[in-house]
Amino acid sequence: MSTPRRKVVIVGGGIAGLTIANTLVERAKDLVEVTVITRDRHYVGGPTRPLLLTNEEEYGRIIRGYEEVGLKGVNVVTGDVVSIDPGNRVVNYAETLLGNKVRSIGYDYLVLAPGVVFDGSSINGYDKYWYVNANVYDPGRVHVLKNRVWSMNEGTVVVYAPKAPYRCAPAPTETALLIHTILKYRGVRDKVRIIHIDANDKTQPPVIADVVKVIYDKAGIELITNQEIIEMNDREVVTRSGERYRYDLLAMLEPTGPRHSLGIPA
């Protein structure tokens, strides 16, 4: 008598979710039935996203569909999880953004890997001036940042890293160095001041902080640590200690947090 396959539902089709899905179908084979619930029909790779700024990376190389994992036997469902019922082992998800077509899927094992959201609500003025900021985390926003860097001829760039943990620890450092590289290539680096404000005592990850400091000193990038941005307007940011920094280009990583509660009872 064959053993019934265990149903594994993975919420989230990013790096974590797909790694788990691939590992399960490769190692557990016919022992599991794996379903991934993802909000989009495509996946955008993250690790090389900053290189879009310098044209060393292309959108076509980092945007992928889920067909390959489908060929391996993974079920991929497009939808937005609205609630989870642990008692009955059921995930409820909406097939439309309006949430007016809710379906349910049962599970034996549940994996939550929905990713994070960027939340600037703790920064006074962010709700009004969000549009002046761009960073390398979102495909649309990195394109905005790229255009701004390549058209900048003088002024001040402010790059910001919030308190750890946050998504992709070295990204703010990579952003500052890539902006430096572009401006140097364009021959305007000596007309632009680059400031990296970091809410942590060291750039992240700490293991390479000393190396980053040496590179920054050589590149002429100013590093200011232990300064958390709490206020902003369309021309300057203000730290908790009251320091003000004017900018012409802002590449600020907002504080990150969990995507949402997923409707799980407390």
C-alpha atoms as a PDB file:
ATOM      1  CA  MET A   1       0.000   0.000   0.000  1.00  0.00           C
ATOM      2  CA  SER A   2       1.536   3.308  -1.077  1.00  0.00           C
ATOM      3  CA  THR A   3       1.999   6.157   1.401  1.00  0.00           C
ATOM      4  CA  PRO A   4      -0.141   9.213   0.572  1.00  0.00           C
ATOM      5  CA  ARG A   5       1.875  12.220  -0.415  1.00  0.00           C
ATOM      6  CA  ARG A   6       2.158  14.975   2.168  1.00  0.00           C
ATOM      7  CA  LYS A   7       0.813  18.330   1.043  1.00  0.00           C
ATOM      8  CA  VAL A   8       3.284  21.190   1.516  1.00  0.00           C
ATOM      9  CA  VAL A   9       2.084  24.747   0.899  1.00  0.00           C
ATOM     10  CA  ILE A  10       4.690  27.498   0.585  1.00  0.00           C
ATOM     11  CA  VAL A  11       3.515  31.103   0.845  1.00  0.00           C
ATOM     12  CA  GLY A  12       5.935  33.197  -1.197  1.00  0.00           C
ATOM     13  CA  GLY A  13       7.617  32.616  -4.552  1.00  0.00           C
ATOM     14  CA  GLY A  14      10.889  34.437  -3.914  1.00  0.00           C
ATOM     15  CA  ILE A  15      14.373  33.064  -3.239  1.00  0.00           C
ATOM     16  CA  ALA A  16      13.428  31.412   0.060  1.00  0.00           C
ATOM     17  CA  GLY A  17      10.179  29.906  -1.173  1.00  0.00           C
ATOM     18  CA  LEU A  18      11.621  28.564  -4.415  1.00  0.00           C
ATOM     19  CA  THR A  19      14.704  27.161  -2.680  1.00  0.00           C
ATOM     20  CA  ILE A  20      12.492  25.175  -0.326  1.00  0.00           C
ATOM     21  CA  ALA A  21      10.213  24.047  -3.162  1.00  0.00           C
ATOM     22  CA  ASN A  22      13.117  22.879  -5.318  1.00  0.00           C
ATOM     23  CA  THR A  23      14.794  21.092  -2.415  1.00  0.00           C
ATOM     24  CA  LEU A  24      11.611  19.233  -1.479  1.00  0.00           C
ATOM     25  CA  VAL A  25      10.793  17.983  -4.988  1.00  0.00           C
ATOM     26  CA  GLU A  26      14.412  16.981  -5.590  1.00  0.00           C
ATOM     27  CA  ARG A  27      14.979  15.155  -2.289  1.00  0.00           C
ATOM     28  CA  ALA A  28      11.526  14.013  -1.165  1.00  0.00           C
ATOM     29  CA  LYS A  29      10.406  13.210  -4.713  1.00  0.00           C
ATOM     30  CA  ASP A  30       7.060  11.345  -4.635  1.00  0.00           C
ATOM     31  CA  LEU A  31       6.620  11.762  -0.873  1.00  0.00           C
ATOM     32  CA  VAL A  32       5.355  15.337  -1.147  1.00  0.00           C
ATOM     33  CA  GLU A  33       2.996  17.466  -3.184  1.00  0.00           C
ATOM     34  CA  VAL A  34       4.394  21.009  -3.203  1.00  0.00           C
ATOM     35  CA  THR A  35       2.328  24.108  -3.924  1.00  0.00           C
ATOM     36  CA  VAL A  36       3.727  27.648  -4.023  1.00  0.00           C
ATOM     37  CA  ILE A  37       1.347  30.578  -3.616  1.00  0.00           C
ATOM     38  CA  THR A  38       2.798  33.752  -5.117  1.00  0.00           C
ATOM     39  CA  ARG A  39       1.368  37.206  -5.792  1.00  0.00           C
ATOM     40  CA  ASP A  40       2.836  37.550  -9.286  1.00  0.00           C
ATOM     41  CA  ARG A  41       3.237  35.326 -12.333  1.00  0.00           C
ATOM     42  CA  HIS A  42       6.911  36.208 -12.551  1.00  0.00           C
ATOM     43  CA  TYR A  43       9.905  36.482 -10.238  1.00  0.00           C
ATOM     44  CA  VAL A  44      12.545  39.213 -10.209  1.00  0.00           C
ATOM     45  CA  GLY A  45      15.989  38.109  -9.011  1.00  0.00           C
ATOM     46  CA  GLY A  46      17.546  40.246  -6.313  1.00  0.00           C
ATOM     47  CA  PRO A  47      21.306  39.708  -5.836  1.00  0.00           C
ATOM     48  CA  THR A  48      22.456  41.411  -9.047  1.00  0.00           C
ATOM     49  CA  ARG A  49      19.723  44.055  -9.158  1.00  0.00           C
ATOM     50  CA  PRO A  50      22.065  46.943  -8.160  1.00  0.00           C
ATOM     51  CA  LEU A  51      24.102  46.270 -11.330  1.00  0.00           C
ATOM     52  CA  LEU A  52      21.172  47.561 -13.365  1.00  0.00           C
ATOM     53  CA  LEU A  53      22.512  51.002 -12.446  1.00  0.00           C
ATOM     54  CA  THR A  54      25.740  50.469 -14.373  1.00  0.00           C
ATOM     55  CA  ASN A  55      24.220  48.473 -17.248  1.00  0.00           C
ATOM     56  CA  GLU A  56      26.160  45.408 -16.118  1.00  0.00           C
ATOM     57  CA  GLU A  57      22.834  43.677 -15.570  1.00  0.00           C
ATOM     58  CA  GLU A  58      19.703  43.563 -17.726  1.00  0.00           C
ATOM     59  CA  TYR A  59      16.049  43.149 -16.784  1.00  0.00           C
ATOM     60  CA  GLY A  60      15.728  40.233 -19.185  1.00  0.00           C
ATOM     61  CA  ARG A  61      18.300  38.241 -17.222  1.00  0.00           C
ATOM     62  CA  ILE A  62      16.665  38.657 -13.805  1.00  0.00           C
ATOM     63  CA  ILE A  63      12.960  38.392 -14.642  1.00  0.00           C
ATOM     64  CA  ARG A  64      11.787  34.791 -14.729  1.00  0.00           C
ATOM     65  CA  GLY A  65       8.522  32.894 -14.909  1.00  0.00           C
ATOM     66  CA  TYR A  66       7.739  29.828 -12.804  1.00  0.00           C
ATOM     67  CA  GLU A  67       7.627  27.394 -15.706  1.00  0.00           C
ATOM     68  CA  GLU A  68      10.905  25.683 -14.762  1.00  0.00           C
ATOM     69  CA  VAL A  69       9.753  24.760 -11.256  1.00  0.00           C
ATOM     70  CA  GLY A  70       6.465  23.682 -12.795  1.00  0.00           C
ATOM     71  CA  LEU A  71       8.350  21.205 -14.958  1.00  0.00           C
ATOM     72  CA  LYS A  72       9.842  19.735 -11.775  1.00  0.00           C
ATOM     73  CA  GLY A  73       6.390  19.040 -10.386  1.00  0.00           C
ATOM     74  CA  VAL A  74       5.791  22.120  -8.240  1.00  0.00           C
ATOM     75  CA  ASN A  75       2.266  23.529  -8.333  1.00  0.00           C
ATOM     76  CA  VAL A  76       2.290  27.327  -8.637  1.00  0.00           C
ATOM     77  CA  VAL A  77      -0.819  29.271  -7.669  1.00  0.00           C
ATOM     78  CA  THR A  78      -1.128  33.009  -8.285  1.00  0.00           C
ATOM     79  CA  GLY A  79      -2.959  34.811  -5.523  1.00  0.00           C
ATOM     80  CA  ASP A  80      -2.766  36.936  -2.406  1.00  0.00           C
ATOM     81  CA  VAL A  81      -3.073  35.110   0.925  1.00  0.00           C
ATOM     82  CA  VAL A  82      -5.850  36.685   2.978  1.00  0.00           C
ATOM     83  CA  SER A  83      -5.956  34.353   5.962  1.00  0.00           C
ATOM     84  CA  ILE A  84      -4.601  31.132   7.422  1.00  0.00           C
ATOM     85  CA  ASP A  85      -6.547  28.689   9.581  1.00  0.00           C
ATOM     86  CA  PRO A  86      -3.937  26.632  11.464  1.00  0.00           C
ATOM     87  CA  GLY A  87      -6.568  24.603  13.276  1.00  0.00           C
ATOM     88  CA  ASN A  88      -8.020  23.256  10.061  1.00  0.00           C
ATOM     89  CA  ARG A  89      -4.724  23.485   8.168  1.00  0.00           C
ATOM     90  CA  VAL A  90      -6.125  25.692   5.440  1.00  0.00           C
ATOM     91  CA  VAL A  91      -4.740  28.679   3.532  1.00  0.00           C
ATOM     92  CA  ASN A  92      -7.259  31.097   2.032  1.00  0.00           C
ATOM     93  CA  TYR A  93      -6.116  33.203  -0.910  1.00  0.00           C
ATOM     94  CA  ALA A  94      -7.694  35.710  -3.283  1.00  0.00           C
ATOM     95  CA  GLU A  95      -7.208  35.228  -6.991  1.00  0.00           C
ATOM     96  CA  THR A  96      -7.814  38.936  -7.679  1.00  0.00           C
ATOM     97  CA  LEU A  97      -6.450  42.106  -6.112  1.00  0.00           C
ATOM     98  CA  LEU A  98     -10.008  43.051  -5.109  1.00  0.00           C
ATOM     99  CA  GLY A  99     -10.181  39.911  -3.005  1.00  0.00           C
ATOM    100  CA  ASN A 100     -13.619  39.025  -4.366  1.00  0.00           C
ATOM    101  CA  LYS A 101     -12.732  35.496  -5.423  1.00  0.00           C
ATOM    102  CA  VAL A 102     -11.332  33.617  -2.447  1.00  0.00           C
ATOM    103  CA  ARG A 103     -10.191  30.005  -2.693  1.00  0.00           C
ATOM    104  CA  SER A 104      -8.836  27.604  -0.104  1.00  0.00           C
ATOM    105  CA  ILE A 105      -6.084  25.011  -0.137  1.00  0.00           C
ATOM    106  CA  GLY A 106      -5.335  22.457   2.559  1.00  0.00           C
ATOM    107  CA  TYR A 107      -1.901  21.454   3.815  1.00  0.00           C
ATOM    108  CA  ASP A 108      -0.028  19.027   6.014  1.00  0.00           C
ATOM    109  CA  TYR A 109       2.952  21.348   6.295  1.00  0.00           C
ATOM    110  CA  LEU A 110       3.020  25.119   5.824  1.00  0.00           C
ATOM    111  CA  VAL A 111       6.048  27.289   5.019  1.00  0.00           C
ATOM    112  CA  LEU A 112       5.778  31.081   5.312  1.00  0.00           C
ATOM    113  CA  ALA A 113       8.225  32.990   3.120  1.00  0.00           C
ATOM    114  CA  PRO A 114       6.240  36.049   1.977  1.00  0.00           C
ATOM    115  CA  GLY A 115       9.198  38.438   1.973  1.00  0.00           C
ATOM    116  CA  VAL A 116       9.315  41.905   3.487  1.00  0.00           C
ATOM    117  CA  VAL A 117       7.841  45.328   2.858  1.00  0.00           C
ATOM    118  CA  PHE A 118       9.587  48.688   2.882  1.00  0.00           C
ATOM    119  CA  ASP A 119       7.837  50.922   5.394  1.00  0.00           C
ATOM    120  CA  GLY A 120       8.792  54.583   5.610  1.00  0.00           C
ATOM    121  CA  SER A 121       5.908  55.498   7.918  1.00  0.00           C
ATOM    122  CA  SER A 122       8.267  55.988  10.882  1.00  0.00           C
ATOM    123  CA  ILE A 123      10.012  58.809   8.994  1.00  0.00           C
ATOM    124  CA  ASN A 124       8.189  62.116   9.404  1.00  0.00           C
ATOM    125  CA  GLY A 125       7.423  63.605   5.989  1.00  0.00           C
ATOM    126  CA  TYR A 126       7.839  60.345   4.086  1.00  0.00           C
ATOM    127  CA  ASP A 127       4.150  60.134   3.260  1.00  0.00           C
ATOM    128  CA  LYS A 128       4.382  63.502   1.506  1.00  0.00           C
ATOM    129  CA  TYR A 129       7.815  63.273  -0.102  1.00  0.00           C
ATOM    130  CA  TRP A 130       8.174  59.548  -0.840  1.00  0.00           C
ATOM    131  CA  TYR A 131       8.610  60.270  -4.546  1.00  0.00           C
ATOM    132  CA  VAL A 132      11.996  61.981  -4.097  1.00  0.00           C
ATOM    133  CA  ASN A 133      13.484  58.696  -2.943  1.00  0.00           C
ATOM    134  CA  ALA A 134      14.592  55.713  -5.046  1.00  0.00           C
ATOM    135  CA  ASN A 135      16.675  52.633  -4.322  1.00  0.00           C
ATOM    136  CA  VAL A 136      17.874  49.377  -5.852  1.00  0.00           C
ATOM    137  CA  TYR A 137      15.336  47.048  -4.272  1.00  0.00           C
ATOM    138  CA  ASP A 138      12.341  47.518  -6.541  1.00  0.00           C
ATOM    139  CA  PRO A 139      12.664  47.110 -10.346  1.00  0.00           C
ATOM    140  CA  GLY A 140      10.728  50.308 -11.032  1.00  0.00           C
ATOM    141  CA  ARG A 141      12.542  52.347  -8.419  1.00  0.00           C
ATOM    142  CA  VAL A 142      15.987  51.196  -9.490  1.00  0.00           C
ATOM    143  CA  HIS A 143      15.161  52.460 -12.973  1.00  0.00           C
ATOM    144  CA  VAL A 144      14.262  55.861 -11.484  1.00  0.00           C
ATOM    145  CA  LEU A 145      17.507  55.902  -9.506  1.00  0.00           C
ATOM    146  CA  LYS A 146      19.486  54.959 -12.588  1.00  0.00           C
ATOM    147  CA  ASN A 147      18.046  57.840 -14.607  1.00  0.00           C
ATOM    148  CA  ARG A 148      18.726  60.304 -11.800  1.00  0.00           C
ATOM    149  CA  VAL A 149      22.343  59.209 -11.347  1.00  0.00           C
ATOM    150  CA  TRP A 150      23.133  59.279 -15.062  1.00  0.00           C
ATOM    151  CA  SER A 151      21.698  62.785 -15.436  1.00  0.00           C
ATOM    152  CA  MET A 152      23.300  64.253 -12.301  1.00  0.00           C
ATOM    153  CA  ASN A 153      26.145  66.711 -12.878  1.00  0.00           C
ATOM    154  CA  GLU A 154      26.691  68.240  -9.443  1.00  0.00           C
ATOM    155  CA  GLY A 155      25.309  68.319  -5.924  1.00  0.00           C
ATOM    156  CA  THR A 156      24.983  65.851  -3.052  1.00  0.00           C
ATOM    157  CA  VAL A 157      23.929  62.215  -2.955  1.00  0.00           C
ATOM    158  CA  VAL A 158      22.635  60.730   0.301  1.00  0.00           C
ATOM    159  CA  VAL A 159      22.511  56.947   0.645  1.00  0.00           C
ATOM    160  CA  TYR A 160      20.826  55.566   3.765  1.00  0.00           C
ATOM    161  CA  ALA A 161      20.771  52.213   5.562  1.00  0.00           C
ATOM    162  CA  PRO A 162      18.213  51.740   8.383  1.00  0.00           C
ATOM    163  CA  LYS A 163      18.720  49.712  11.525  1.00  0.00           C
ATOM    164  CA  ALA A 164      19.504  46.077  10.871  1.00  0.00           C
ATOM    165  CA  PRO A 165      18.119  43.632  10.083  1.00  0.00           C
ATOM    166  CA  TYR A 166      16.971  44.721   6.666  1.00  0.00           C
ATOM    167  CA  ARG A 167      16.785  43.107   3.251  1.00  0.00           C
ATOM    168  CA  CYS A 168      20.158  42.465   1.577  1.00  0.00           C
ATOM    169  CA  ALA A 169      22.653  43.842   4.083  1.00  0.00           C
ATOM    170  CA  PRO A 170      25.355  45.080   1.633  1.00  0.00           C
ATOM    171  CA  ALA A 171      22.933  46.809  -0.786  1.00  0.00           C
ATOM    172  CA  PRO A 172      23.338  50.385   0.595  1.00  0.00           C
ATOM    173  CA  THR A 173      27.124  50.056   0.355  1.00  0.00           C
ATOM    174  CA  GLU A 174      26.840  48.649  -3.155  1.00  0.00           C
ATOM    175  CA  THR A 175      24.546  51.548  -4.072  1.00  0.00           C
ATOM    176  CA  ALA A 176      27.018  54.170  -2.857  1.00  0.00           C
ATOM    177  CA  LEU A 177      29.941  52.541  -4.678  1.00  0.00           C
ATOM    178  CA  LEU A 178      28.010  52.068  -7.915  1.00  0.00           C
ATOM    179  CA  ILE A 179      26.898  55.708  -7.870  1.00  0.00           C
ATOM    180  CA  HIS A 180      30.540  56.676  -7.309  1.00  0.00           C
ATOM    181  CA  THR A 181      31.568  54.505 -10.280  1.00  0.00           C
ATOM    182  CA  ILE A 182      28.955  56.025 -12.608  1.00  0.00           C
ATOM    183  CA  LEU A 183      29.792  59.601 -11.669  1.00  0.00           C
ATOM    184  CA  LYS A 184      33.513  58.905 -12.091  1.00  0.00           C
ATOM    185  CA  TYR A 185      32.888  57.324 -15.498  1.00  0.00           C
ATOM    186  CA  ARG A 186      30.893  60.376 -16.529  1.00  0.00           C
ATOM    187  CA  GLY A 187      33.653  62.713 -15.351  1.00  0.00           C
ATOM    188  CA  VAL A 188      31.575  64.574 -12.750  1.00  0.00           C
ATOM    189  CA  ARG A 189      32.598  62.761  -9.576  1.00  0.00           C
ATOM    190  CA  ASP A 190      34.604  65.723  -8.299  1.00  0.00           C
ATOM    191  CA  LYS A 191      31.443  67.856  -8.442  1.00  0.00           C
ATOM    192  CA  VAL A 192      29.294  65.477  -6.400  1.00  0.00           C
ATOM    193  CA  ARG A 193      29.451  64.763  -2.685  1.00  0.00           C
ATOM    194  CA  ILE A 194      28.398  61.233  -1.674  1.00  0.00           C
ATOM    195  CA  ILE A 195      27.271  60.659   1.921  1.00  0.00           C
ATOM    196  CA  HIS A 196      26.369  57.256   3.323  1.00  0.00           C
ATOM    197  CA  ILE A 197      24.280  57.667   6.490  1.00  0.00           C
ATOM    198  CA  ASP A 198      23.942  54.443   8.449  1.00  0.00           C
ATOM    199  CA  ALA A 199      21.676  53.850  11.450  1.00  0.00           C
ATOM    200  CA  ASN A 200      24.032  51.097  12.622  1.00  0.00           C
ATOM    201  CA  ASP A 201      27.428  51.415  14.272  1.00  0.00           C
ATOM    202  CA  LYS A 202      28.998  49.764  11.231  1.00  0.00           C
ATOM    203  CA  THR A 203      28.046  49.204   7.615  1.00  0.00           C
ATOM    204  CA  GLN A 204      26.346  45.876   7.065  1.00  0.00           C
ATOM    205  CA  PRO A 205      27.320  43.105   7.180  1.00  0.00           C
ATOM    206  CA  PRO A 206      29.743  43.996  10.015  1.00  0.00           C
ATOM    207  CA  VAL A 207      32.276  41.354   8.948  1.00  0.00           C
ATOM    208  CA  ILE A 208      33.332  43.501   5.961  1.00  0.00           C
ATOM    209  CA  ALA A 209      32.824  46.920   7.588  1.00  0.00           C
ATOM    210  CA  ASP A 210      36.561  47.623   7.943  1.00  0.00           C
ATOM    211  CA  VAL A 211      37.154  46.810   4.276  1.00  0.00           C
ATOM    212  CA  VAL A 212      34.251  49.054   3.259  1.00  0.00           C
ATOM    213  CA  LYS A 213      35.707  51.917   5.293  1.00  0.00           C
ATOM    214  CA  VAL A 214      39.026  51.633   3.459  1.00  0.00           C
ATOM    215  CA  ILE A 215      37.300  51.568   0.064  1.00  0.00           C
ATOM    216  CA  TYR A 216      35.101  54.520   1.028  1.00  0.00           C
ATOM    217  CA  ASP A 217      38.102  56.575   2.130  1.00  0.00           C
ATOM    218  CA  LYS A 218      39.820  55.895  -1.167  1.00  0.00           C
ATOM    219  CA  ALA A 219      36.674  56.758  -3.145  1.00  0.00           C
ATOM    220  CA  GLY A 220      35.971  59.915  -1.147  1.00  0.00           C
ATOM    221  CA  ILE A 221      32.609  58.638   0.160  1.00  0.00           C
ATOM    222  CA  GLU A 222      31.663  60.096   3.540  1.00  0.00           C
ATOM    223  CA  LEU A 223      30.434  57.549   6.081  1.00  0.00           C
ATOM    224  CA  ILE A 224      28.273  58.639   9.005  1.00  0.00           C
ATOM    225  CA  THR A 225      27.251  55.851  11.409  1.00  0.00           C
ATOM    226  CA  ASN A 226      24.835  55.635  14.341  1.00  0.00           C
ATOM    227  CA  GLN A 227      22.542  58.185  12.716  1.00  0.00           C
ATOM    228  CA  GLU A 228      18.918  57.220  12.164  1.00  0.00           C
ATOM    229  CA  ILE A 229      16.868  59.311   9.751  1.00  0.00           C
ATOM    230  CA  ILE A 230      13.574  60.318  11.393  1.00  0.00           C
ATOM    231  CA  GLU A 231      12.439  63.204   9.190  1.00  0.00           C
ATOM    232  CA  MET A 232      12.650  64.251   5.550  1.00  0.00           C
ATOM    233  CA  ASN A 233      11.454  66.829   3.072  1.00  0.00           C
ATOM    234  CA  ASP A 234      12.161  67.409  -0.596  1.00  0.00           C
ATOM    235  CA  ARG A 235      15.643  68.818   0.060  1.00  0.00           C
ATOM    236  CA  GLU A 236      17.027  67.392   3.294  1.00  0.00           C
ATOM    237  CA  VAL A 237      16.908  64.560   5.813  1.00  0.00           C
ATOM    238  CA  VAL A 238      17.110  64.937   9.577  1.00  0.00           C
ATOM    239  CA  THR A 239      18.612  62.383  11.971  1.00  0.00           C
ATOM    240  CA  ARG A 240      17.518  61.572  15.501  1.00  0.00           C
ATOM    241  CA  SER A 241      20.403  63.614  16.895  1.00  0.00           C
ATOM    242  CA  GLY A 242      19.187  66.690  14.996  1.00  0.00           C
ATOM    243  CA  GLU A 243      21.795  66.673  12.220  1.00  0.00           C
ATOM    244  CA  ARG A 244      20.510  67.897   8.851  1.00  0.00           C
ATOM    245  CA  TYR A 245      21.837  66.750   5.499  1.00  0.00           C
ATOM    246  CA  ARG A 246      20.821  68.430   2.278  1.00  0.00           C
ATOM    247  CA  TYR A 247      20.630  66.286  -0.829  1.00  0.00           C
ATOM    248  CA  ASP A 248      20.051  66.533  -4.547  1.00  0.00           C
ATOM    249  CA  LEU A 249      19.640  62.779  -4.936  1.00  0.00           C
ATOM    250  CA  LEU A 250      18.271  60.493  -2.225  1.00  0.00           C
ATOM    251  CA  ALA A 251      18.821  56.721  -2.266  1.00  0.00           C
ATOM    252  CA  MET A 252      17.278  55.750   1.048  1.00  0.00           C
ATOM    253  CA  LEU A 253      16.384  52.231   2.086  1.00  0.00           C
ATOM    254  CA  GLU A 254      13.261  52.476   4.188  1.00  0.00           C
ATOM    255  CA  PRO A 255      12.996  50.331   7.341  1.00  0.00           C
ATOM    256  CA  THR A 256      11.802  46.836   6.469  1.00  0.00           C
ATOM    257  CA  GLY A 257       9.325  44.566   8.177  1.00  0.00           C
ATOM    258  CA  PRO A 258       7.148  41.499   7.592  1.00  0.00           C
ATOM    259  CA  ARG A 259       4.757  41.725   4.671  1.00  0.00           C
ATOM    260  CA  HIS A 260       1.661  41.346   6.876  1.00  0.00           C
ATOM    261  CA  SER A 261       0.160  39.074   9.511  1.00  0.00           C
ATOM    262  CA  LEU A 262      -1.333  36.781   6.846  1.00  0.00           C
ATOM    263  CA  GLY A 263      -4.458  36.600   8.979  1.00  0.00           C
ATOM    264  CA  ILE A 264      -2.962  34.117  11.437  1.00  0.00           C
ATOM    265  CA  PRO A 265      -4.790  34.171  14.797  1.00  0.00           C
ATOM    266  CA  ALA A 266      -2.656  35.306  17.733  1.00  0.00           C
END
